[in-house]
Amino acid sequence: MLFTLQFSFSAEALDNHLTAVQRDRELRSQIEERKIRSDAAYEEAKRKVAFEKLQQEKAKAEAEVPESLYFS
């Protein structure tokens, strides 16, 4: 009976440990997924800013062209 009780306790401890390991892996996975999404959003924002800056520079350059060149 003592052996059965000790084995049962060990099985419960192992089950608790495996549950904790599984929970830890899931949390790490979620953190990694958030990091990937955050990095992607940051890169997209950088592309958007660069595109807007290019558009502004293009508009400024077009505004500086004399009108006489448009109708030549």
C-alpha atoms as a PDB file:
ATOM      1  CA  MET A   1       0.000   0.000   0.000  1.00  0.00           C
ATOM      2  CA  LEU A   2       2.837   2.396   0.773  1.00  0.00           C
ATOM      3  CA  PHE A   3       4.321   1.739  -2.676  1.00  0.00           C
ATOM      4  CA  THR A   4       0.964   2.487  -4.334  1.00  0.00           C
ATOM      5  CA  LEU A   5       0.587   5.727  -2.382  1.00  0.00           C
ATOM      6  CA  GLN A   6       4.145   6.804  -3.217  1.00  0.00           C
ATOM      7  CA  PHE A   7       3.665   5.920  -6.897  1.00  0.00           C
ATOM      8  CA  SER A   8       0.392   7.845  -7.004  1.00  0.00           C
ATOM      9  CA  PHE A   9       2.069  10.894  -5.506  1.00  0.00           C
ATOM     10  CA  SER A  10       4.911  10.656  -8.022  1.00  0.00           C
ATOM     11  CA  ALA A  11       2.463  10.349 -10.901  1.00  0.00           C
ATOM     12  CA  GLU A  12       0.596  13.408  -9.654  1.00  0.00           C
ATOM     13  CA  ALA A  13       3.855  15.354  -9.291  1.00  0.00           C
ATOM     14  CA  LEU A  14       4.885  14.345 -12.801  1.00  0.00           C
ATOM     15  CA  ASP A  15       1.491  15.366 -14.167  1.00  0.00           C
ATOM     16  CA  ASN A  16       1.775  18.750 -12.434  1.00  0.00           C
ATOM     17  CA  HIS A  17       5.293  19.210 -13.782  1.00  0.00           C
ATOM     18  CA  LEU A  18       4.261  18.337 -17.343  1.00  0.00           C
ATOM     19  CA  THR A  19       1.284  20.682 -17.105  1.00  0.00           C
ATOM     20  CA  ALA A  20       3.590  23.486 -15.947  1.00  0.00           C
ATOM     21  CA  VAL A  21       6.037  22.763 -18.777  1.00  0.00           C
ATOM     22  CA  GLN A  22       3.210  22.790 -21.324  1.00  0.00           C
ATOM     23  CA  ARG A  23       1.877  26.076 -19.923  1.00  0.00           C
ATOM     24  CA  ASP A  24       5.370  27.597 -20.043  1.00  0.00           C
ATOM     25  CA  ARG A  25       5.858  26.552 -23.665  1.00  0.00           C
ATOM     26  CA  GLU A  26       2.481  27.977 -24.622  1.00  0.00           C
ATOM     27  CA  LEU A  27       3.320  31.300 -22.963  1.00  0.00           C
ATOM     28  CA  ARG A  28       6.695  31.430 -24.702  1.00  0.00           C
ATOM     29  CA  SER A  29       4.988  30.681 -28.004  1.00  0.00           C
ATOM     30  CA  GLN A  30       2.485  33.493 -27.459  1.00  0.00           C
ATOM     31  CA  ILE A  31       5.287  35.916 -26.574  1.00  0.00           C
ATOM     32  CA  GLU A  32       7.180  34.947 -29.739  1.00  0.00           C
ATOM     33  CA  GLU A  33       4.033  35.391 -31.857  1.00  0.00           C
ATOM     34  CA  ARG A  34       3.488  38.874 -30.377  1.00  0.00           C
ATOM     35  CA  LYS A  35       7.104  39.783 -31.062  1.00  0.00           C
ATOM     36  CA  ILE A  36       6.811  38.658 -34.688  1.00  0.00           C
ATOM     37  CA  ARG A  37       3.608  40.704 -35.147  1.00  0.00           C
ATOM     38  CA  SER A  38       5.180  43.708 -33.435  1.00  0.00           C
ATOM     39  CA  ASP A  39       8.291  43.513 -35.620  1.00  0.00           C
ATOM     40  CA  ALA A  40       6.133  43.226 -38.739  1.00  0.00           C
ATOM     41  CA  ALA A  41       4.045  46.240 -37.696  1.00  0.00           C
ATOM     42  CA  TYR A  42       7.222  48.248 -37.038  1.00  0.00           C
ATOM     43  CA  GLU A  43       8.635  47.387 -40.478  1.00  0.00           C
ATOM     44  CA  GLU A  44       5.321  48.277 -42.125  1.00  0.00           C
ATOM     45  CA  ALA A  45       5.291  51.639 -40.325  1.00  0.00           C
ATOM     46  CA  LYS A  46       8.857  52.318 -41.497  1.00  0.00           C
ATOM     47  CA  ARG A  47       7.868  51.514 -45.096  1.00  0.00           C
ATOM     48  CA  LYS A  48       4.839  53.775 -44.824  1.00  0.00           C
ATOM     49  CA  VAL A  49       6.911  56.684 -43.462  1.00  0.00           C
ATOM     50  CA  ALA A  50       9.527  56.229 -46.205  1.00  0.00           C
ATOM     51  CA  PHE A  51       6.796  56.138 -48.876  1.00  0.00           C
ATOM     52  CA  GLU A  52       5.135  59.286 -47.511  1.00  0.00           C
ATOM     53  CA  LYS A  53       8.497  61.062 -47.366  1.00  0.00           C
ATOM     54  CA  LEU A  54       9.172  60.096 -50.979  1.00  0.00           C
ATOM     55  CA  GLN A  55       5.735  61.364 -52.005  1.00  0.00           C
ATOM     56  CA  GLN A  56       6.370  64.679 -50.235  1.00  0.00           C
ATOM     57  CA  GLU A  57       9.772  65.052 -51.898  1.00  0.00           C
ATOM     58  CA  LYS A  58       8.208  64.266 -55.272  1.00  0.00           C
ATOM     59  CA  ALA A  59       5.453  66.840 -54.723  1.00  0.00           C
ATOM     60  CA  LYS A  60       8.012  69.427 -53.639  1.00  0.00           C
ATOM     61  CA  ALA A  61      10.178  68.757 -56.697  1.00  0.00           C
ATOM     62  CA  GLU A  62       7.163  69.054 -59.000  1.00  0.00           C
ATOM     63  CA  ALA A  63       6.164  72.323 -57.337  1.00  0.00           C
ATOM     64  CA  GLU A  64       9.619  73.740 -57.981  1.00  0.00           C
ATOM     65  CA  VAL A  65       9.515  73.049 -61.740  1.00  0.00           C
ATOM     66  CA  PRO A  66       8.755  76.263 -63.651  1.00  0.00           C
ATOM     67  CA  GLU A  67       5.376  76.323 -65.400  1.00  0.00           C
ATOM     68  CA  SER A  68       7.020  77.115 -68.714  1.00  0.00           C
ATOM     69  CA  LEU A  69       8.430  73.570 -68.806  1.00  0.00           C
ATOM     70  CA  TYR A  70       4.963  72.036 -68.579  1.00  0.00           C
ATOM     71  CA  PHE A  71       3.769  73.567 -71.871  1.00  0.00           C
ATOM     72  CA  SER A  72       6.901  73.350 -73.975  1.00  0.00           C
END
